[in-house]
């Protein structure tokens, strides 16, 4: 699982004054930049309960939580639009300028979180500003996903595309781990009053500070977009006409990735607070464990898909998760404890982490290079917008409607079964040369 230092088959379109990075440093730069963006996005989920109390004027705690999760989900509704527009920009102009644009947008959204007063201070303008920040974040992340994954895939050769693509979920796991550790540090060091008054904003201050770092690193990347004239570039209409089946299958595949990731990594920490009645300082440990497993296993899962094939890795990891998810919820509710919670989260994180890299590379390989950023962005963001962004909302509502604390498991099972339909629609792509 080594990274070569040469970059074959790339159309160089960078400024001559900037010396290009080696392949190893390029992959590191893409991974770090992607992680920085996802940190800004995911840190909201770790403070969703607190933000609900500060910004949403609802007396019922469940209503506050639902509104906070709905705001979290609204950011995902912007992902398809961001994926479409920035993905088209990445396919037409280049991956690098598209990624730089998303970094600046994420910085802007973090500033809004830092400076916006609470509902008690400015009334309805407060939740409106929080909603605006989430919309900007969603738009930026929607564009980031396609451009950065296309960069990773196109830096690889035919024998290592799974391994290289595995650094995309690695960066997301790293962002979630960093965000969880920041949340854990703030919730343990600060008194509850200080945390609510100003402490939670420090997490977003960090997000502002790291954005310029990513921009500096990425200036020296090689451009991988095809050096073609405007007439040779793909259009969204052409994508739908020529690759409609692959696009539908990709969306179905990504539904399984979205639901499992956002339940295991992000929801269970809030579940520990709202359902298991643990303090936030303990609940965040669940996110730390899930993210740590994702960081460790993602490159390995990508490498394994380069050896065994994309479809077998996706199939068996999905099946394993479907079999484990309901007993896992039963176990943590039977006798709630931090030890049991972390054990369950750690076990669920293994199949979750194994399925994501193979799914991403499979989706990427069924689309041609001139349409890859746009198509990948659409497939990923449509699935994430509904089944990832609203996973916490749907799960909370399912518990409320059924009075069954294990109900979130049904959500993961349903989405997982749908994703297997998408898997049946695509061929094995291991060893296929990129078009």
Protein backbone atom coordinates (compact mmCIF):
# COMPACT_ATOMS: atom_id res chain seq x y z
CA UNK A 1 0.00 0.00 0.00
CA UNK A 2 2.70 2.48 -0.96
CA UNK A 3 2.32 5.70 -2.88
CA UNK A 4 4.54 6.16 -5.90
CA UNK A 5 6.14 9.57 -6.43
CA UNK A 6 5.47 9.83 -10.16
CA UNK A 7 2.21 11.03 -11.69
CA UNK A 8 1.49 9.41 -15.06
CA UNK A 9 -1.20 10.45 -17.52
CA UNK A 10 -1.97 13.90 -16.12
CA UNK A 11 -2.52 16.94 -18.32
CA UNK A 12 -0.42 19.60 -16.63
CA UNK A 13 -2.28 22.90 -16.44
CA UNK A 14 -0.60 24.66 -13.52
CA UNK A 15 1.43 27.80 -13.40
CA UNK A 16 5.03 27.30 -14.37
CA UNK A 17 6.21 29.29 -11.35
CA UNK A 18 4.78 26.74 -8.89
CA UNK A 19 6.87 23.61 -8.56
CA UNK A 20 4.49 20.61 -8.48
CA UNK A 21 4.36 18.36 -5.45
CA UNK A 22 5.37 14.70 -5.51
CA UNK A 23 2.55 12.19 -5.69
CA UNK A 24 2.86 11.41 -1.96
CA UNK A 25 2.66 15.08 -1.00
CA UNK A 26 -0.16 15.66 -3.47
CA UNK A 27 -2.30 12.92 -1.93
CA UNK A 28 -1.49 14.29 1.53
CA UNK A 29 -2.49 17.80 0.41
CA UNK A 30 -5.81 16.62 -1.03
CA UNK A 31 -6.54 14.59 2.10
CA UNK A 32 -5.69 17.41 4.51
CA UNK A 33 -7.68 19.99 2.54
CA UNK A 34 -10.70 17.72 2.33
CA UNK A 35 -10.48 16.94 6.03
CA UNK A 36 -10.36 20.62 6.94
CA UNK A 37 -13.57 21.27 5.03
CA UNK A 38 -15.39 18.32 6.55
CA UNK A 39 -14.28 19.38 10.03
CA UNK A 40 -16.21 22.64 9.65
CA UNK A 41 -19.26 20.73 8.47
CA UNK A 42 -19.38 17.91 11.00
CA UNK A 43 -18.53 19.87 14.14
CA UNK A 44 -22.10 21.20 14.06
CA UNK A 45 -23.46 17.71 14.71
CA UNK A 46 -21.50 17.36 17.95
CA UNK A 47 -23.09 20.53 19.33
CA UNK A 48 -26.55 19.97 17.82
CA UNK A 49 -28.25 19.57 21.21
CA UNK A 50 -26.66 22.73 22.60
CA UNK A 51 -27.32 24.77 19.44
CA UNK A 52 -30.95 23.65 19.56
CA UNK A 53 -31.35 25.25 22.99
CA UNK A 54 -29.62 28.48 21.99
CA UNK A 55 -31.13 29.17 18.57
CA UNK A 56 -34.57 27.55 18.34
CA UNK A 57 -37.43 29.04 20.40
CA UNK A 58 -39.24 25.78 21.21
CA UNK A 59 -39.97 24.84 24.82
CA UNK A 60 -40.13 21.10 24.16
CA UNK A 61 -36.61 19.54 24.23
CA UNK A 62 -37.60 17.05 21.52
CA UNK A 63 -38.80 19.92 19.34
CA UNK A 64 -35.51 21.76 19.85
CA UNK A 65 -33.56 18.67 18.90
CA UNK A 66 -35.69 18.07 15.82
CA UNK A 67 -35.28 21.68 14.66
CA UNK A 68 -31.53 21.51 15.25
CA UNK A 69 -31.27 18.24 13.30
CA UNK A 70 -33.50 19.68 10.58
CA UNK A 71 -31.10 22.62 10.26
CA UNK A 72 -28.27 20.11 10.07
CA UNK A 73 -30.17 18.36 7.28
CA UNK A 74 -31.02 21.55 5.41
CA UNK A 75 -27.31 22.02 4.74
CA UNK A 76 -27.41 18.73 2.89
CA UNK A 77 -30.20 19.93 0.62
CA UNK A 78 -27.71 22.40 -0.86
CA UNK A 79 -25.24 19.64 -1.60
CA UNK A 80 -26.81 18.52 -4.90
CA UNK A 81 -26.87 22.13 -6.14
CA UNK A 82 -23.27 22.67 -5.06
CA UNK A 83 -22.29 19.32 -6.51
CA UNK A 84 -23.95 20.14 -9.85
CA UNK A 85 -22.60 23.68 -10.26
CA UNK A 86 -19.13 23.24 -8.77
CA UNK A 87 -18.84 19.76 -10.31
CA UNK A 88 -19.53 21.23 -13.77
CA UNK A 89 -17.00 23.96 -12.99
CA UNK A 90 -14.42 21.32 -12.03
CA UNK A 91 -15.02 19.37 -15.26
CA UNK A 92 -14.87 22.47 -17.44
CA UNK A 93 -12.23 24.65 -15.77
CA UNK A 94 -10.29 22.28 -13.53
CA UNK A 95 -10.28 20.43 -10.21
CA UNK A 96 -7.96 22.89 -8.46
CA UNK A 97 -9.99 26.12 -8.87
CA UNK A 98 -13.15 24.25 -7.88
CA UNK A 99 -11.55 23.00 -4.68
CA UNK A 100 -10.19 26.48 -3.84
CA UNK A 101 -13.68 27.96 -4.21
CA UNK A 102 -15.17 25.44 -1.80
CA UNK A 103 -12.49 26.23 0.80
CA UNK A 104 -13.31 29.93 0.80
CA UNK A 105 -17.04 29.22 1.10
CA UNK A 106 -16.44 26.98 4.11
CA UNK A 107 -14.40 29.73 5.74
CA UNK A 108 -17.28 32.17 5.26
CA UNK A 109 -19.78 29.82 6.87
CA UNK A 110 -17.53 29.33 9.91
CA UNK A 111 -17.33 33.10 10.37
CA UNK A 112 -21.14 33.25 10.49
CA UNK A 113 -21.25 30.60 13.22
CA UNK A 114 -18.65 32.45 15.28
CA UNK A 115 -20.26 35.91 15.18
CA UNK A 116 -24.03 35.15 15.22
CA UNK A 117 -25.72 36.01 18.56
CA UNK A 118 -28.30 33.67 20.09
CA UNK A 119 -32.11 33.80 19.78
CA UNK A 120 -32.35 35.43 23.21
CA UNK A 121 -30.16 38.29 21.95
CA UNK A 122 -31.48 39.05 18.45
CA UNK A 123 -34.63 36.97 18.07
CA UNK A 124 -35.57 35.23 14.81
CA UNK A 125 -32.55 36.61 12.98
CA UNK A 126 -30.40 34.16 14.94
CA UNK A 127 -31.85 30.89 13.56
CA UNK A 128 -31.99 32.50 10.10
CA UNK A 129 -28.24 33.20 10.22
CA UNK A 130 -27.50 29.67 11.42
CA UNK A 131 -29.62 28.33 8.58
CA UNK A 132 -27.71 30.52 6.09
CA UNK A 133 -24.38 29.21 7.37
CA UNK A 134 -25.56 25.64 6.94
CA UNK A 135 -26.72 26.34 3.39
CA UNK A 136 -23.32 27.79 2.44
CA UNK A 137 -21.57 24.81 4.05
CA UNK A 138 -23.75 22.35 2.16
CA UNK A 139 -23.14 24.09 -1.16
CA UNK A 140 -19.36 24.04 -0.60
CA UNK A 141 -19.16 20.42 0.52
CA UNK A 142 -21.33 19.36 -2.41
CA UNK A 143 -18.74 20.72 -4.81
CA UNK A 144 -15.75 19.55 -2.79
CA UNK A 145 -16.70 15.89 -2.88
CA UNK A 146 -16.65 15.43 -6.64
CA UNK A 147 -13.60 17.57 -7.36
CA UNK A 148 -11.38 16.13 -4.62
CA UNK A 149 -12.38 12.49 -5.23
CA UNK A 150 -11.74 12.93 -8.96
CA UNK A 151 -8.29 14.30 -8.11
CA UNK A 152 -7.49 11.29 -5.93
CA UNK A 153 -8.73 8.76 -8.48
CA UNK A 154 -6.90 10.41 -11.38
CA UNK A 155 -3.60 10.50 -9.51
CA UNK A 156 -3.67 6.69 -9.28
CA UNK A 157 -2.80 3.99 -11.80
CA UNK A 158 -5.05 1.08 -12.76
CA UNK A 159 -3.82 -1.06 -9.86
CA UNK A 160 -4.19 1.44 -7.01
CA UNK A 161 -7.36 3.45 -7.59
CA UNK A 162 -9.16 1.85 -4.64
CA UNK A 163 -6.29 2.65 -2.29
CA UNK A 164 -6.06 6.25 -3.46
CA UNK A 165 -9.82 6.79 -3.29
CA UNK A 166 -9.75 5.36 0.23
CA UNK A 167 -8.08 8.56 1.38
CA UNK A 168 -11.37 10.41 0.79
CA UNK A 169 -13.28 8.62 3.60
CA UNK A 170 -10.03 8.66 5.59
CA UNK A 171 -10.10 12.46 5.48
CA UNK A 172 -13.76 12.50 6.50
CA UNK A 173 -13.01 10.21 9.43
CA UNK A 174 -10.04 12.36 10.39
CA UNK A 175 -12.27 15.44 10.33
CA UNK A 176 -14.89 13.72 12.48
CA UNK A 177 -12.22 12.54 14.93
CA UNK A 178 -10.67 16.00 15.19
CA UNK A 179 -14.10 17.60 15.58
CA UNK A 180 -15.09 15.09 18.26
CA UNK A 181 -11.84 15.62 20.16
CA UNK A 182 -12.32 19.39 20.04
CA UNK A 183 -15.89 18.97 21.30
CA UNK A 184 -14.69 16.58 23.99
CA UNK A 185 -11.98 18.99 25.12
CA UNK A 186 -14.34 21.96 25.27
CA UNK A 187 -17.10 20.07 27.09
CA UNK A 188 -14.67 18.74 29.72
CA UNK A 189 -12.55 21.85 30.28
CA UNK A 190 -15.32 24.48 30.33
CA UNK A 191 -18.23 24.83 32.71
CA UNK A 192 -21.63 24.30 31.11
CA UNK A 193 -22.46 28.01 31.35
CA UNK A 194 -19.22 29.01 29.63
CA UNK A 195 -19.65 26.31 26.99
CA UNK A 196 -23.11 27.62 26.10
CA UNK A 197 -22.11 31.30 26.26
CA UNK A 198 -19.01 31.20 24.05
CA UNK A 199 -17.09 27.93 24.33
CA UNK A 200 -18.79 26.06 21.48
CA UNK A 201 -17.85 28.87 19.09
CA UNK A 202 -14.16 28.06 19.55
CA UNK A 203 -14.68 24.89 17.50
CA UNK A 204 -15.70 27.04 14.53
CA UNK A 205 -12.83 29.50 15.13
CA UNK A 206 -10.47 26.60 14.52
CA UNK A 207 -12.31 25.96 11.26
CA UNK A 208 -11.62 29.52 10.13
CA UNK A 209 -7.93 29.32 10.96
CA UNK A 210 -7.26 26.10 9.05
CA UNK A 211 -8.87 27.09 5.74
CA UNK A 212 -5.90 29.24 4.54
CA UNK A 213 -3.58 26.33 5.33
CA UNK A 214 -5.45 24.13 2.88
CA UNK A 215 -5.35 26.82 0.20
CA UNK A 216 -1.58 27.24 0.49
CA UNK A 217 -1.01 23.49 0.31
CA UNK A 218 -3.21 23.02 -2.74
CA UNK A 219 -1.62 25.73 -4.86
CA UNK A 220 1.13 23.34 -5.93
CA UNK A 221 -1.08 20.43 -6.98
CA UNK A 222 -1.04 19.09 -10.53
CA UNK A 223 -4.27 19.59 -12.49
CA UNK A 224 -5.86 16.30 -13.59
CA UNK A 225 -8.81 17.59 -15.63
CA UNK A 226 -8.53 16.71 -19.34
CA UNK A 227 -6.89 19.40 -21.48
CA UNK A 228 -9.77 19.65 -23.92
CA UNK A 229 -11.59 22.43 -25.68
CA UNK A 230 -15.00 23.61 -24.54
CA UNK A 231 -16.75 21.62 -27.26
CA UNK A 232 -15.22 18.42 -25.95
CA UNK A 233 -16.32 18.96 -22.37
CA UNK A 234 -19.24 16.99 -21.07
CA UNK A 235 -22.59 18.50 -20.16
CA UNK A 236 -25.01 17.42 -17.46
CA UNK A 237 -27.61 16.59 -20.11
CA UNK A 238 -25.07 14.39 -21.86
CA UNK A 239 -24.29 12.67 -18.56
CA UNK A 240 -27.94 11.85 -17.94
CA UNK A 241 -28.48 10.65 -21.51
CA UNK A 242 -25.41 8.46 -21.87
CA UNK A 243 -24.87 7.31 -18.30
CA UNK A 244 -28.34 7.43 -16.72
CA UNK A 245 -28.31 3.83 -15.49
CA UNK A 246 -24.88 4.21 -13.92
CA UNK A 247 -25.95 7.46 -12.25
CA UNK A 248 -29.10 5.90 -10.75
CA UNK A 249 -27.09 2.91 -9.52
CA UNK A 250 -24.52 5.26 -8.02
CA UNK A 251 -27.17 7.16 -6.08
CA UNK A 252 -28.58 3.89 -4.72
CA UNK A 253 -25.10 2.73 -3.71
CA UNK A 254 -24.43 6.02 -1.94
CA UNK A 255 -27.67 5.77 0.03
CA UNK A 256 -26.12 2.84 1.91
CA UNK A 257 -22.93 4.80 2.57
CA UNK A 258 -24.81 7.92 3.70
CA UNK A 259 -27.20 6.22 6.12
CA UNK A 260 -24.59 4.04 7.83
CA UNK A 261 -21.98 6.79 8.14
CA UNK A 262 -24.29 9.43 9.55
CA UNK A 263 -25.93 7.06 12.03
CA UNK A 264 -22.77 5.39 13.32
CA UNK A 265 -20.34 8.32 13.27
CA UNK A 266 -22.58 11.31 13.98
CA UNK A 267 -25.96 10.26 15.37
CA UNK A 268 -24.95 7.81 18.09
CA UNK A 269 -23.13 10.49 20.09
CA UNK A 270 -26.35 12.54 20.25
CA UNK A 271 -28.34 9.33 20.82
CA UNK A 272 -26.23 8.70 23.91
CA UNK A 273 -27.26 12.10 25.27
CA UNK A 274 -30.96 12.14 24.31
CA UNK A 275 -31.84 8.44 24.75
CA UNK A 276 -29.22 6.91 27.06
CA UNK A 277 -29.10 10.08 29.21
CA UNK A 278 -25.33 10.36 29.20
CA UNK A 279 -23.57 13.72 29.45
CA UNK A 280 -22.23 15.20 26.20
CA UNK A 281 -18.68 14.79 27.48
CA UNK A 282 -19.22 11.00 27.43
CA UNK A 283 -21.42 10.77 24.36
CA UNK A 284 -18.78 12.37 22.14
CA UNK A 285 -16.49 9.41 22.83
CA UNK A 286 -18.76 7.35 20.56
CA UNK A 287 -17.93 9.64 17.65
CA UNK A 288 -14.23 9.47 18.51
CA UNK A 289 -14.23 5.66 18.35
CA UNK A 290 -16.22 5.52 15.10
CA UNK A 291 -14.02 8.12 13.42
CA UNK A 292 -10.81 6.45 14.63
CA UNK A 293 -11.90 3.11 13.13
CA UNK A 294 -12.76 4.86 9.85
CA UNK A 295 -9.33 6.53 9.76
CA UNK A 296 -7.54 3.23 10.34
CA UNK A 297 -9.58 1.06 7.96
CA UNK A 298 -10.38 3.34 4.99
CA UNK A 299 -7.04 3.05 3.15
CA UNK A 300 -6.97 -0.69 3.89
CA UNK A 301 -10.51 -1.13 2.56
CA UNK A 302 -9.54 0.71 -0.62
CA UNK A 303 -6.43 -1.47 -0.99
CA UNK A 304 -8.52 -4.60 -0.43
CA UNK A 305 -10.89 -3.57 -3.23
CA UNK A 306 -7.82 -3.37 -5.50
CA UNK A 307 -7.12 -7.01 -4.70
CA UNK A 308 -10.55 -8.69 -4.35
CA UNK A 309 -12.70 -6.38 -6.46
CA UNK A 310 -15.08 -3.51 -5.67
CA UNK A 311 -18.34 -5.48 -5.60
CA UNK A 312 -17.29 -8.24 -3.12
CA UNK A 313 -16.01 -5.70 -0.60
CA UNK A 314 -19.19 -3.62 -0.89
CA UNK A 315 -21.50 -6.66 -0.71
CA UNK A 316 -20.06 -8.40 2.34
CA UNK A 317 -19.52 -5.24 4.35
CA UNK A 318 -23.13 -4.14 3.69
CA UNK A 319 -24.52 -7.54 4.65
CA UNK A 320 -22.47 -7.59 7.85
CA UNK A 321 -23.78 -4.17 8.87
CA UNK A 322 -27.39 -5.13 8.15
CA UNK A 323 -27.05 -8.19 10.40
CA UNK A 324 -25.35 -6.28 13.23
CA UNK A 325 -27.28 -3.00 13.47
CA UNK A 326 -30.50 -4.06 15.30
CA UNK A 327 -28.79 -6.28 17.91
CA UNK A 328 -26.38 -3.40 18.48
CA UNK A 329 -29.19 -1.00 19.43
CA UNK A 330 -30.80 -3.65 21.63
CA UNK A 331 -27.51 -4.17 23.43
CA UNK A 332 -26.83 -0.51 24.27
CA UNK A 333 -30.42 0.03 25.45
CA UNK A 334 -30.54 -3.12 27.61
CA UNK A 335 -27.90 -1.78 29.98
CA UNK A 336 -26.63 1.69 29.00
CA UNK A 337 -23.00 2.31 29.86
CA UNK A 338 -20.07 4.05 28.24
CA UNK A 339 -18.14 0.79 27.88
CA UNK A 340 -20.99 -0.96 26.13
CA UNK A 341 -21.67 2.05 23.90
CA UNK A 342 -18.06 2.27 22.75
CA UNK A 343 -17.84 -1.48 22.15
CA UNK A 344 -20.98 -1.43 20.01
CA UNK A 345 -19.87 1.65 18.06
CA UNK A 346 -16.45 0.12 17.44
CA UNK A 347 -17.98 -3.07 16.04
CA UNK A 348 -20.46 -1.21 13.81
CA UNK A 349 -17.68 1.03 12.51
CA UNK A 350 -15.79 -1.89 10.96
CA UNK A 351 -18.31 -2.78 8.19
CA UNK A 352 -19.23 0.90 7.84
CA UNK A 353 -15.59 1.79 7.17
CA UNK A 354 -15.05 -1.11 4.78
CA UNK A 355 -17.99 -0.28 2.50
CA UNK A 356 -17.30 3.39 1.86
CA UNK A 357 -13.99 3.35 -0.12
CA UNK A 358 -15.05 0.48 -2.38
CA UNK A 359 -18.39 2.20 -3.08
CA UNK A 360 -16.70 5.50 -3.92
CA UNK A 361 -14.20 4.01 -6.34
CA UNK A 362 -16.89 1.87 -7.96
CA UNK A 363 -19.05 4.95 -8.56
CA UNK A 364 -16.05 6.93 -9.83
CA UNK A 365 -14.96 4.25 -12.30
CA UNK A 366 -18.31 3.86 -14.05
CA UNK A 367 -18.21 7.54 -15.13
CA UNK A 368 -15.91 8.98 -17.85
CA UNK A 369 -13.22 11.51 -16.89
CA UNK A 370 -14.84 14.46 -18.69
CA UNK A 371 -17.98 13.99 -16.57
CA UNK A 372 -16.53 12.42 -13.43
CA UNK A 373 -16.61 15.37 -11.02
CA UNK A 374 -20.16 16.33 -12.01
CA UNK A 375 -21.53 12.78 -11.99
CA UNK A 376 -19.83 11.79 -8.75
CA UNK A 377 -21.01 14.98 -7.07
CA UNK A 378 -24.61 14.43 -8.18
CA UNK A 379 -24.67 10.77 -7.09
CA UNK A 380 -23.03 11.38 -3.73
CA UNK A 381 -24.84 14.59 -2.88
CA UNK A 382 -28.35 13.46 -3.81
CA UNK A 383 -27.97 10.43 -1.54
CA UNK A 384 -26.30 12.39 1.24
CA UNK A 385 -28.79 15.26 1.02
CA UNK A 386 -31.73 13.07 2.03
CA UNK A 387 -30.45 9.88 3.63
CA UNK A 388 -27.38 11.33 5.35
CA UNK A 389 -28.33 14.86 6.28
CA UNK A 390 -31.74 13.90 7.59
CA UNK A 391 -30.65 10.57 9.13
CA UNK A 392 -30.63 12.05 12.62
CA UNK A 393 -33.99 13.75 12.06
CA UNK A 394 -35.60 10.58 10.66
CA UNK A 395 -34.18 8.44 13.48
CA UNK A 396 -35.39 10.83 16.19
CA UNK A 397 -38.83 10.94 14.58
CA UNK A 398 -38.96 7.14 14.27
CA UNK A 399 -38.28 6.78 17.98
CA UNK A 400 -40.99 9.33 18.73
CA UNK A 401 -43.56 7.63 16.46
CA UNK A 402 -42.88 4.03 17.44
CA UNK A 403 -41.83 4.51 21.07
CA UNK A 404 -39.07 2.03 20.20
CA UNK A 405 -35.54 3.21 21.10
CA UNK A 406 -34.13 0.67 18.61
CA UNK A 407 -36.02 2.23 15.66
CA UNK A 408 -32.93 3.88 14.08
CA UNK A 409 -31.78 0.36 13.16
CA UNK A 410 -34.76 -0.02 10.83
CA UNK A 411 -33.65 3.11 8.99
CA UNK A 412 -30.16 1.72 8.39
CA UNK A 413 -31.56 -1.67 7.30
CA UNK A 414 -33.98 -0.11 4.81
CA UNK A 415 -31.31 2.09 3.26
CA UNK A 416 -28.86 -0.81 3.14
CA UNK A 417 -31.29 -3.01 1.23
CA UNK A 418 -31.91 -0.23 -1.29
CA UNK A 419 -28.15 0.15 -1.80
CA UNK A 420 -27.84 -3.54 -2.71
CA UNK A 421 -30.16 -2.90 -5.66
CA UNK A 422 -27.66 -0.31 -6.90
CA UNK A 423 -24.82 -2.79 -6.46
CA UNK A 424 -26.64 -5.30 -8.67
CA UNK A 425 -26.92 -2.66 -11.42
CA UNK A 426 -23.18 -2.04 -11.93
CA UNK A 427 -20.44 -4.36 -13.23
CA UNK A 428 -17.15 -5.09 -11.54
CA UNK A 429 -14.67 -2.34 -12.47
CA UNK A 430 -11.43 -3.69 -11.01
CA UNK A 431 -8.67 -3.40 -13.61
CA UNK A 432 -10.76 -1.33 -16.04
CA UNK A 433 -8.86 1.52 -17.67
CA UNK A 434 -10.33 4.94 -17.02
CA UNK A 435 -12.10 6.49 -20.01
